[in-house]
Amino acid sequence: MRISHRHRQVRKFYFTNYRIQAESLRVIDDKGKQIGVISKAEALRKAQEQEVDLVLIAPNAHPPVAKIIDFKKFLYQEEKKLQEAKKGIKKSVVKDLKLSLFIGPADLNRLINKGKEFLSDGNQLRLNLGLRGREIIKKNMGFDLINKFISQLGDVNLPKPPRLEGRVIRTVIARKK
């Protein structure tokens, strides 16, 4: 059985309470107010008095920065921040359309309309025109068909001009901004 690790979320590791190794820390309370530079023992005592945790926020700073907060609540807030950041990002999707050299006019119009629909949704469009058998000697006709297709789409941007890759003529089309 193959296990995919592509979607596994990488979690940041935080040192808490007695796992903190630095002897002196710059301590911040749960409201964001700086307490100052104090020893680890004193910071732990203050955290225990408030019945919360001491979490190392910036281990590479001099002195390291620690915060007196509820650790579970802190992790929850960090996760919420990540989700909010992901909401604003729209993934650009590349949609594929396959053409053949001797495509009928009705099929070509159908694919042109589908291409316009993909572009209006904000996606990019990848055109693939496969050349089978002896069609490879008619690659000029293939380039003409691709250019005709692009001209029918209207005002578009071509990040990749049409080019022959093996037996396939490929291009990428994006909507003009």
N, C-alpha and C. Protein backbone atom coordinates (compact mmCIF):
# COMPACT_ATOMS: atom_id res chain seq x y z
N MET A 1 0.84 -1.18 0.00
CA MET A 1 0.00 0.00 0.00
C MET A 1 0.88 1.24 0.00
N ARG A 2 0.59 2.14 -0.88
CA ARG A 2 1.38 3.36 -1.00
C ARG A 2 0.73 4.46 -0.17
N ILE A 3 1.54 5.14 0.60
CA ILE A 3 1.04 6.24 1.43
C ILE A 3 1.51 7.55 0.82
N SER A 4 0.57 8.41 0.55
CA SER A 4 0.90 9.71 -0.03
C SER A 4 1.12 10.73 1.09
N HIS A 5 2.22 11.43 1.03
CA HIS A 5 2.53 12.44 2.04
C HIS A 5 2.36 13.86 1.50
N ARG A 6 1.73 13.97 0.32
CA ARG A 6 1.60 15.30 -0.28
C ARG A 6 0.69 16.21 0.50
N HIS A 7 -0.37 15.65 1.09
CA HIS A 7 -1.35 16.50 1.75
C HIS A 7 -1.12 16.61 3.25
N ARG A 8 -0.05 16.01 3.73
CA ARG A 8 0.23 16.07 5.15
C ARG A 8 0.65 17.49 5.51
N GLN A 9 0.06 17.98 6.56
CA GLN A 9 0.34 19.35 6.98
C GLN A 9 1.55 19.35 7.90
N VAL A 10 2.50 20.22 7.63
CA VAL A 10 3.69 20.33 8.46
C VAL A 10 3.35 21.23 9.63
N ARG A 11 3.51 20.70 10.82
CA ARG A 11 3.20 21.47 12.02
C ARG A 11 4.47 22.06 12.59
N LYS A 12 4.37 23.24 13.10
CA LYS A 12 5.48 23.89 13.75
C LYS A 12 5.57 23.35 15.17
N PHE A 13 6.77 23.09 15.62
CA PHE A 13 6.97 22.54 16.96
C PHE A 13 7.33 23.66 17.92
N TYR A 14 6.69 23.67 19.07
CA TYR A 14 6.95 24.68 20.09
C TYR A 14 7.45 24.00 21.36
N PHE A 15 8.49 24.57 21.96
CA PHE A 15 8.94 24.11 23.26
C PHE A 15 8.06 24.75 24.32
N THR A 16 7.61 23.95 25.27
CA THR A 16 6.75 24.47 26.32
C THR A 16 7.32 24.12 27.69
N ASN A 17 7.01 24.95 28.67
CA ASN A 17 7.32 24.75 30.08
C ASN A 17 8.74 24.26 30.32
N TYR A 18 8.91 23.03 30.84
CA TYR A 18 10.22 22.53 31.24
C TYR A 18 11.09 22.10 30.07
N ARG A 19 10.54 22.07 28.88
CA ARG A 19 11.34 21.70 27.70
C ARG A 19 12.15 22.88 27.17
N ILE A 20 11.88 24.06 27.66
CA ILE A 20 12.64 25.25 27.24
C ILE A 20 14.02 25.16 27.86
N GLN A 21 15.06 25.35 27.05
CA GLN A 21 16.43 25.14 27.52
C GLN A 21 17.14 26.43 27.90
N ALA A 22 16.68 27.57 27.41
CA ALA A 22 17.35 28.84 27.71
C ALA A 22 17.16 29.20 29.18
N GLU A 23 18.17 29.83 29.76
CA GLU A 23 18.11 30.18 31.18
C GLU A 23 17.41 31.52 31.41
N SER A 24 17.61 32.46 30.49
CA SER A 24 16.91 33.75 30.62
C SER A 24 16.03 33.95 29.40
N LEU A 25 14.84 34.51 29.62
CA LEU A 25 13.86 34.65 28.56
C LEU A 25 13.26 36.05 28.58
N ARG A 26 12.90 36.55 27.39
CA ARG A 26 12.09 37.75 27.31
C ARG A 26 10.64 37.27 27.34
N VAL A 27 9.90 37.64 28.36
CA VAL A 27 8.59 37.07 28.60
C VAL A 27 7.49 38.08 28.27
N ILE A 28 6.45 37.56 27.60
CA ILE A 28 5.28 38.36 27.23
C ILE A 28 4.07 37.67 27.85
N ASP A 29 3.15 38.45 28.41
CA ASP A 29 1.96 37.83 29.01
C ASP A 29 0.89 37.59 27.94
N ASP A 30 -0.25 37.03 28.34
CA ASP A 30 -1.28 36.65 27.37
C ASP A 30 -1.96 37.84 26.71
N LYS A 31 -1.81 39.04 27.25
CA LYS A 31 -2.40 40.23 26.65
C LYS A 31 -1.45 40.94 25.70
N GLY A 32 -0.22 40.42 25.58
CA GLY A 32 0.76 41.01 24.68
C GLY A 32 1.67 42.02 25.37
N LYS A 33 1.54 42.20 26.69
CA LYS A 33 2.37 43.16 27.44
C LYS A 33 3.69 42.49 27.82
N GLN A 34 4.80 43.20 27.61
CA GLN A 34 6.11 42.64 27.93
C GLN A 34 6.35 42.69 29.44
N ILE A 35 6.75 41.56 29.98
CA ILE A 35 7.10 41.50 31.40
C ILE A 35 8.57 41.87 31.57
N GLY A 36 9.39 41.46 30.61
CA GLY A 36 10.82 41.80 30.64
C GLY A 36 11.66 40.54 30.52
N VAL A 37 12.98 40.72 30.70
CA VAL A 37 13.91 39.60 30.64
C VAL A 37 14.05 39.04 32.05
N ILE A 38 13.60 37.79 32.23
CA ILE A 38 13.66 37.14 33.54
C ILE A 38 14.17 35.72 33.37
N SER A 39 14.48 35.07 34.49
CA SER A 39 15.00 33.70 34.43
C SER A 39 13.87 32.74 34.07
N LYS A 40 14.26 31.57 33.60
CA LYS A 40 13.29 30.55 33.21
C LYS A 40 12.46 30.10 34.41
N ALA A 41 13.11 29.95 35.55
CA ALA A 41 12.42 29.49 36.76
C ALA A 41 11.33 30.48 37.17
N GLU A 42 11.64 31.77 37.12
CA GLU A 42 10.66 32.79 37.50
C GLU A 42 9.50 32.83 36.50
N ALA A 43 9.82 32.68 35.21
CA ALA A 43 8.78 32.67 34.18
C ALA A 43 7.86 31.46 34.37
N LEU A 44 8.43 30.31 34.68
CA LEU A 44 7.62 29.11 34.92
C LEU A 44 6.72 29.30 36.14
N ARG A 45 7.27 29.94 37.19
CA ARG A 45 6.47 30.19 38.40
C ARG A 45 5.28 31.09 38.07
N LYS A 46 5.51 32.15 37.27
CA LYS A 46 4.42 33.05 36.90
C LYS A 46 3.37 32.33 36.07
N ALA A 47 3.81 31.43 35.17
CA ALA A 47 2.87 30.67 34.34
C ALA A 47 2.03 29.72 35.20
N GLN A 48 2.67 29.09 36.19
CA GLN A 48 1.95 28.18 37.07
C GLN A 48 0.95 28.92 37.95
N GLU A 49 1.29 30.13 38.37
CA GLU A 49 0.37 30.93 39.18
C GLU A 49 -0.92 31.22 38.40
N GLN A 50 -0.78 31.48 37.10
CA GLN A 50 -1.94 31.79 36.27
C GLN A 50 -2.59 30.52 35.70
N GLU A 51 -2.01 29.34 36.00
CA GLU A 51 -2.48 28.04 35.52
C GLU A 51 -2.52 27.96 33.99
N VAL A 52 -1.48 28.46 33.37
CA VAL A 52 -1.31 28.38 31.92
C VAL A 52 0.10 27.88 31.62
N ASP A 53 0.50 27.90 30.34
CA ASP A 53 1.79 27.36 29.93
C ASP A 53 2.76 28.48 29.54
N LEU A 54 4.03 28.14 29.59
CA LEU A 54 5.09 29.02 29.08
C LEU A 54 5.51 28.44 27.74
N VAL A 55 5.32 29.19 26.66
CA VAL A 55 5.58 28.69 25.30
C VAL A 55 6.69 29.52 24.68
N LEU A 56 7.70 28.83 24.14
CA LEU A 56 8.81 29.50 23.47
C LEU A 56 8.37 29.90 22.07
N ILE A 57 8.26 31.20 21.82
CA ILE A 57 7.75 31.71 20.55
C ILE A 57 8.88 31.93 19.54
N ALA A 58 9.93 32.61 19.98
CA ALA A 58 11.06 32.93 19.09
C ALA A 58 12.34 32.40 19.70
N PRO A 59 12.72 31.14 19.39
CA PRO A 59 13.90 30.55 20.03
C PRO A 59 15.22 31.14 19.53
N ASN A 60 15.25 31.75 18.35
CA ASN A 60 16.49 32.26 17.79
C ASN A 60 16.79 33.69 18.19
N ALA A 61 15.87 34.35 18.88
CA ALA A 61 16.11 35.73 19.32
C ALA A 61 17.08 35.72 20.50
N HIS A 62 17.67 36.87 20.78
CA HIS A 62 18.59 37.00 21.92
C HIS A 62 18.08 38.06 22.86
N PRO A 63 17.60 37.77 24.02
CA PRO A 63 17.30 36.44 24.56
C PRO A 63 16.04 35.87 23.90
N PRO A 64 15.85 34.54 23.98
CA PRO A 64 14.67 33.92 23.38
C PRO A 64 13.37 34.49 23.95
N VAL A 65 12.33 34.54 23.12
CA VAL A 65 11.05 35.12 23.53
C VAL A 65 10.09 34.00 23.89
N ALA A 66 9.47 34.13 25.06
CA ALA A 66 8.48 33.16 25.52
C ALA A 66 7.21 33.90 25.89
N LYS A 67 6.08 33.20 25.77
CA LYS A 67 4.79 33.81 26.06
C LYS A 67 4.07 32.98 27.11
N ILE A 68 3.42 33.65 28.05
CA ILE A 68 2.62 32.97 29.06
C ILE A 68 1.19 32.92 28.55
N ILE A 69 0.80 31.75 28.02
CA ILE A 69 -0.54 31.58 27.43
C ILE A 69 -0.99 30.14 27.61
N ASP A 70 -2.28 29.91 27.35
CA ASP A 70 -2.82 28.55 27.32
C ASP A 70 -2.39 27.94 25.98
N PHE A 71 -1.61 26.87 26.04
CA PHE A 71 -1.00 26.31 24.84
C PHE A 71 -2.03 25.78 23.85
N LYS A 72 -3.07 25.10 24.31
CA LYS A 72 -4.11 24.56 23.42
C LYS A 72 -4.84 25.69 22.68
N LYS A 73 -5.11 26.76 23.41
CA LYS A 73 -5.78 27.91 22.81
C LYS A 73 -4.87 28.56 21.77
N PHE A 74 -3.57 28.62 22.07
CA PHE A 74 -2.58 29.18 21.17
C PHE A 74 -2.53 28.39 19.86
N LEU A 75 -2.50 27.04 19.97
CA LEU A 75 -2.47 26.20 18.77
C LEU A 75 -3.74 26.38 17.94
N TYR A 76 -4.87 26.50 18.62
CA TYR A 76 -6.14 26.71 17.93
C TYR A 76 -6.10 28.03 17.14
N GLN A 77 -5.59 29.08 17.78
CA GLN A 77 -5.52 30.39 17.11
C GLN A 77 -4.56 30.35 15.92
N GLU A 78 -3.45 29.64 16.05
CA GLU A 78 -2.49 29.51 14.94
C GLU A 78 -3.14 28.79 13.75
N GLU A 79 -3.91 27.74 14.06
CA GLU A 79 -4.58 27.00 13.00
C GLU A 79 -5.62 27.88 12.29
N LYS A 80 -6.33 28.69 13.05
CA LYS A 80 -7.32 29.60 12.47
C LYS A 80 -6.64 30.63 11.57
N LYS A 81 -5.47 31.13 11.99
CA LYS A 81 -4.73 32.09 11.16
C LYS A 81 -4.33 31.45 9.83
N LEU A 82 -3.88 30.19 9.88
CA LEU A 82 -3.51 29.48 8.66
C LEU A 82 -4.70 29.31 7.73
N GLN A 83 -5.84 28.96 8.28
CA GLN A 83 -7.05 28.77 7.46
C GLN A 83 -7.48 30.09 6.84
N GLU A 84 -7.40 31.18 7.58
CA GLU A 84 -7.75 32.50 7.04
C GLU A 84 -6.82 32.89 5.90
N ALA A 85 -5.52 32.57 6.06
CA ALA A 85 -4.55 32.89 5.01
C ALA A 85 -4.83 32.09 3.75
N LYS A 86 -5.27 30.82 3.92
CA LYS A 86 -5.56 29.98 2.76
C LYS A 86 -6.81 30.43 2.03
N LYS A 87 -7.75 31.04 2.74
CA LYS A 87 -9.01 31.47 2.10
C LYS A 87 -8.78 32.49 1.00
N GLY A 88 -7.84 33.40 1.20
CA GLY A 88 -7.61 34.47 0.25
C GLY A 88 -6.92 34.04 -1.02
N ILE A 89 -6.34 32.85 -1.02
CA ILE A 89 -5.57 32.39 -2.18
C ILE A 89 -6.48 31.61 -3.12
N LYS A 90 -6.54 32.06 -4.38
CA LYS A 90 -7.31 31.32 -5.38
C LYS A 90 -6.33 30.56 -6.25
N LYS A 91 -6.52 29.26 -6.32
CA LYS A 91 -5.62 28.45 -7.12
C LYS A 91 -5.95 28.61 -8.60
N SER A 92 -4.91 28.78 -9.39
CA SER A 92 -5.08 28.86 -10.83
C SER A 92 -5.10 27.45 -11.38
N VAL A 93 -6.15 27.11 -12.08
CA VAL A 93 -6.32 25.77 -12.61
C VAL A 93 -6.06 25.81 -14.11
N VAL A 94 -5.37 24.80 -14.60
CA VAL A 94 -5.12 24.69 -16.03
C VAL A 94 -6.05 23.59 -16.57
N LYS A 95 -6.92 23.97 -17.49
CA LYS A 95 -7.85 23.02 -18.11
C LYS A 95 -7.29 22.59 -19.46
N ASP A 96 -7.45 21.32 -19.77
CA ASP A 96 -6.95 20.76 -21.04
C ASP A 96 -8.07 20.62 -22.05
N LEU A 97 -7.76 20.93 -23.29
CA LEU A 97 -8.65 20.64 -24.42
C LEU A 97 -7.83 19.92 -25.48
N LYS A 98 -8.38 18.82 -25.99
CA LYS A 98 -7.70 18.05 -27.04
C LYS A 98 -8.36 18.32 -28.38
N LEU A 99 -7.53 18.57 -29.36
CA LEU A 99 -8.00 18.77 -30.73
C LEU A 99 -7.37 17.70 -31.61
N SER A 100 -7.98 17.49 -32.75
CA SER A 100 -7.34 16.64 -33.76
C SER A 100 -7.26 17.46 -35.05
N LEU A 101 -6.40 17.03 -35.93
CA LEU A 101 -6.12 17.80 -37.14
C LEU A 101 -7.35 17.95 -38.03
N PHE A 102 -8.14 16.90 -38.17
CA PHE A 102 -9.30 16.95 -39.05
C PHE A 102 -10.58 16.98 -38.22
N ILE A 103 -10.71 17.98 -37.37
CA ILE A 103 -11.88 18.13 -36.51
C ILE A 103 -12.99 18.82 -37.31
N GLY A 104 -14.21 18.42 -37.06
CA GLY A 104 -15.35 19.01 -37.77
C GLY A 104 -15.65 20.40 -37.23
N PRO A 105 -16.33 21.23 -38.05
CA PRO A 105 -16.61 22.61 -37.62
C PRO A 105 -17.52 22.67 -36.39
N ALA A 106 -18.47 21.76 -36.25
CA ALA A 106 -19.36 21.77 -35.09
C ALA A 106 -18.58 21.43 -33.82
N ASP A 107 -17.71 20.44 -33.92
CA ASP A 107 -16.89 20.06 -32.76
C ASP A 107 -15.93 21.18 -32.38
N LEU A 108 -15.37 21.83 -33.40
CA LEU A 108 -14.46 22.94 -33.14
C LEU A 108 -15.19 24.08 -32.44
N ASN A 109 -16.40 24.42 -32.88
CA ASN A 109 -17.18 25.48 -32.22
C ASN A 109 -17.52 25.11 -30.79
N ARG A 110 -17.84 23.83 -30.56
CA ARG A 110 -18.15 23.37 -29.21
C ARG A 110 -16.93 23.54 -28.30
N LEU A 111 -15.75 23.18 -28.80
CA LEU A 111 -14.53 23.32 -28.00
C LEU A 111 -14.16 24.79 -27.79
N ILE A 112 -14.43 25.63 -28.79
CA ILE A 112 -14.16 27.07 -28.63
C ILE A 112 -15.05 27.63 -27.53
N ASN A 113 -16.34 27.26 -27.52
CA ASN A 113 -17.24 27.73 -26.47
C ASN A 113 -16.81 27.22 -25.10
N LYS A 114 -16.35 25.97 -25.03
CA LYS A 114 -15.87 25.41 -23.77
C LYS A 114 -14.62 26.18 -23.31
N GLY A 115 -13.74 26.50 -24.25
CA GLY A 115 -12.54 27.26 -23.93
C GLY A 115 -12.87 28.65 -23.40
N LYS A 116 -13.85 29.31 -24.03
CA LYS A 116 -14.28 30.63 -23.56
C LYS A 116 -14.83 30.54 -22.15
N GLU A 117 -15.58 29.48 -21.88
CA GLU A 117 -16.16 29.27 -20.55
C GLU A 117 -15.05 29.08 -19.50
N PHE A 118 -14.04 28.27 -19.83
CA PHE A 118 -12.92 28.06 -18.90
C PHE A 118 -12.18 29.35 -18.62
N LEU A 119 -11.94 30.14 -19.67
CA LEU A 119 -11.21 31.40 -19.50
C LEU A 119 -12.02 32.41 -18.70
N SER A 120 -13.33 32.43 -18.90
CA SER A 120 -14.16 33.38 -18.15
C SER A 120 -14.23 33.02 -16.67
N ASP A 121 -14.01 31.73 -16.33
CA ASP A 121 -13.98 31.31 -14.93
C ASP A 121 -12.65 31.64 -14.26
N GLY A 122 -11.68 32.16 -15.03
CA GLY A 122 -10.39 32.55 -14.46
C GLY A 122 -9.35 31.46 -14.58
N ASN A 123 -9.64 30.39 -15.30
CA ASN A 123 -8.68 29.30 -15.46
C ASN A 123 -7.81 29.54 -16.68
N GLN A 124 -6.68 28.84 -16.71
CA GLN A 124 -5.86 28.84 -17.91
C GLN A 124 -6.29 27.66 -18.78
N LEU A 125 -5.93 27.72 -20.03
CA LEU A 125 -6.36 26.71 -20.99
C LEU A 125 -5.13 26.15 -21.69
N ARG A 126 -5.00 24.83 -21.71
CA ARG A 126 -3.91 24.18 -22.42
C ARG A 126 -4.50 23.44 -23.61
N LEU A 127 -4.06 23.80 -24.81
CA LEU A 127 -4.53 23.14 -26.03
C LEU A 127 -3.52 22.08 -26.44
N ASN A 128 -4.01 20.89 -26.74
CA ASN A 128 -3.18 19.79 -27.22
C ASN A 128 -3.75 19.33 -28.56
N LEU A 129 -2.94 19.39 -29.60
CA LEU A 129 -3.36 18.90 -30.90
C LEU A 129 -2.46 17.71 -31.23
N GLY A 130 -3.01 16.50 -31.14
CA GLY A 130 -2.22 15.29 -31.39
C GLY A 130 -2.14 14.99 -32.87
N LEU A 131 -0.96 14.68 -33.32
CA LEU A 131 -0.73 14.31 -34.72
C LEU A 131 -0.48 12.81 -34.78
N ARG A 132 -1.39 12.08 -35.44
CA ARG A 132 -1.29 10.63 -35.49
C ARG A 132 -0.74 10.19 -36.85
N GLY A 133 0.11 9.20 -36.80
CA GLY A 133 0.62 8.58 -38.04
C GLY A 133 1.28 9.58 -38.96
N ARG A 134 0.78 9.62 -40.20
CA ARG A 134 1.40 10.49 -41.21
C ARG A 134 0.94 11.93 -41.11
N GLU A 135 0.09 12.26 -40.12
CA GLU A 135 -0.33 13.65 -39.93
C GLU A 135 0.85 14.54 -39.53
N ILE A 136 1.95 13.92 -39.09
CA ILE A 136 3.11 14.69 -38.65
C ILE A 136 3.68 15.55 -39.78
N ILE A 137 3.50 15.11 -41.03
CA ILE A 137 4.02 15.90 -42.14
C ILE A 137 3.14 17.12 -42.43
N LYS A 138 1.92 17.16 -41.81
CA LYS A 138 1.01 18.29 -42.00
C LYS A 138 0.96 19.15 -40.75
N LYS A 139 2.11 19.29 -40.10
CA LYS A 139 2.13 20.07 -38.85
C LYS A 139 1.80 21.54 -39.08
N ASN A 140 2.04 22.07 -40.29
CA ASN A 140 1.67 23.46 -40.58
C ASN A 140 0.16 23.65 -40.49
N MET A 141 -0.59 22.64 -40.94
CA MET A 141 -2.05 22.70 -40.82
C MET A 141 -2.45 22.72 -39.34
N GLY A 142 -1.70 21.98 -38.52
CA GLY A 142 -1.97 21.95 -37.09
C GLY A 142 -1.75 23.31 -36.44
N PHE A 143 -0.64 23.97 -36.82
CA PHE A 143 -0.38 25.31 -36.28
C PHE A 143 -1.45 26.30 -36.72
N ASP A 144 -1.91 26.16 -37.99
CA ASP A 144 -2.98 27.03 -38.49
C ASP A 144 -4.27 26.82 -37.69
N LEU A 145 -4.59 25.56 -37.39
CA LEU A 145 -5.79 25.25 -36.62
C LEU A 145 -5.71 25.83 -35.20
N ILE A 146 -4.55 25.70 -34.59
CA ILE A 146 -4.36 26.26 -33.23
C ILE A 146 -4.51 27.79 -33.28
N ASN A 147 -3.90 28.43 -34.27
CA ASN A 147 -4.01 29.89 -34.38
C ASN A 147 -5.45 30.32 -34.66
N LYS A 148 -6.18 29.55 -35.46
CA LYS A 148 -7.59 29.84 -35.72
C LYS A 148 -8.39 29.73 -34.42
N PHE A 149 -8.09 28.69 -33.64
CA PHE A 149 -8.76 28.49 -32.35
C PHE A 149 -8.51 29.69 -31.43
N ILE A 150 -7.26 30.13 -31.35
CA ILE A 150 -6.89 31.25 -30.48
C ILE A 150 -7.57 32.54 -30.93
N SER A 151 -7.63 32.76 -32.26
CA SER A 151 -8.27 33.98 -32.76
C SER A 151 -9.77 33.97 -32.48
N GLN A 152 -10.40 32.79 -32.46
CA GLN A 152 -11.84 32.69 -32.16
C GLN A 152 -12.13 32.98 -30.69
N LEU A 153 -11.13 32.78 -29.81
CA LEU A 153 -11.34 33.02 -28.37
C LEU A 153 -11.44 34.51 -28.05
N GLY A 154 -10.89 35.34 -28.90
CA GLY A 154 -10.95 36.78 -28.66
C GLY A 154 -9.63 37.29 -28.09
N ASP A 155 -9.75 38.24 -27.17
CA ASP A 155 -8.58 38.91 -26.60
C ASP A 155 -8.00 38.06 -25.46
N VAL A 156 -6.93 37.30 -25.76
CA VAL A 156 -6.32 36.41 -24.78
C VAL A 156 -4.81 36.65 -24.72
N ASN A 157 -4.21 36.10 -23.68
CA ASN A 157 -2.78 36.22 -23.48
C ASN A 157 -2.15 34.85 -23.73
N LEU A 158 -1.01 34.82 -24.40
CA LEU A 158 -0.33 33.56 -24.68
C LEU A 158 0.98 33.48 -23.89
N PRO A 159 0.96 32.89 -22.67
CA PRO A 159 2.22 32.74 -21.93
C PRO A 159 3.18 31.79 -22.64
N LYS A 160 2.63 30.75 -23.32
CA LYS A 160 3.45 29.81 -24.09
C LYS A 160 2.93 29.78 -25.51
N PRO A 161 3.71 30.21 -26.49
CA PRO A 161 3.25 30.14 -27.88
C PRO A 161 3.17 28.68 -28.32
N PRO A 162 2.39 28.39 -29.38
CA PRO A 162 2.26 27.01 -29.84
C PRO A 162 3.62 26.46 -30.29
N ARG A 163 3.89 25.21 -29.85
CA ARG A 163 5.13 24.57 -30.28
C ARG A 163 4.92 23.07 -30.36
N LEU A 164 5.74 22.44 -31.18
CA LEU A 164 5.64 21.00 -31.40
C LEU A 164 6.48 20.29 -30.36
N GLU A 165 5.85 19.42 -29.58
CA GLU A 165 6.55 18.60 -28.58
C GLU A 165 6.29 17.15 -28.93
N GLY A 166 7.23 16.53 -29.58
CA GLY A 166 7.05 15.15 -30.04
C GLY A 166 6.02 15.12 -31.16
N ARG A 167 4.89 14.47 -30.93
CA ARG A 167 3.82 14.40 -31.93
C ARG A 167 2.62 15.24 -31.52
N VAL A 168 2.81 16.16 -30.57
CA VAL A 168 1.72 16.98 -30.07
C VAL A 168 2.10 18.46 -30.16
N ILE A 169 1.17 19.25 -30.72
CA ILE A 169 1.36 20.70 -30.73
C ILE A 169 0.64 21.23 -29.49
N ARG A 170 1.39 21.93 -28.63
CA ARG A 170 0.82 22.41 -27.36
C ARG A 170 0.97 23.91 -27.24
N THR A 171 0.01 24.51 -26.52
CA THR A 171 0.09 25.91 -26.16
C THR A 171 -0.72 26.13 -24.91
N VAL A 172 -0.41 27.20 -24.20
CA VAL A 172 -1.16 27.60 -23.01
C VAL A 172 -1.75 28.97 -23.27
N ILE A 173 -3.03 29.13 -22.91
CA ILE A 173 -3.75 30.38 -23.14
C ILE A 173 -4.30 30.86 -21.81
N ALA A 174 -4.15 32.17 -21.56
CA ALA A 174 -4.70 32.76 -20.35
C ALA A 174 -5.54 33.97 -20.73
N ARG A 175 -6.43 34.35 -19.85
CA ARG A 175 -7.28 35.51 -20.09
C ARG A 175 -6.45 36.78 -19.90
N LYS A 176 -6.69 37.77 -20.74
CA LYS A 176 -6.00 39.06 -20.59
C LYS A 176 -6.59 39.81 -19.41
N LYS A 177 -5.72 40.41 -18.61
CA LYS A 177 -6.19 41.10 -17.42
C LYS A 177 -6.48 42.53 -17.66
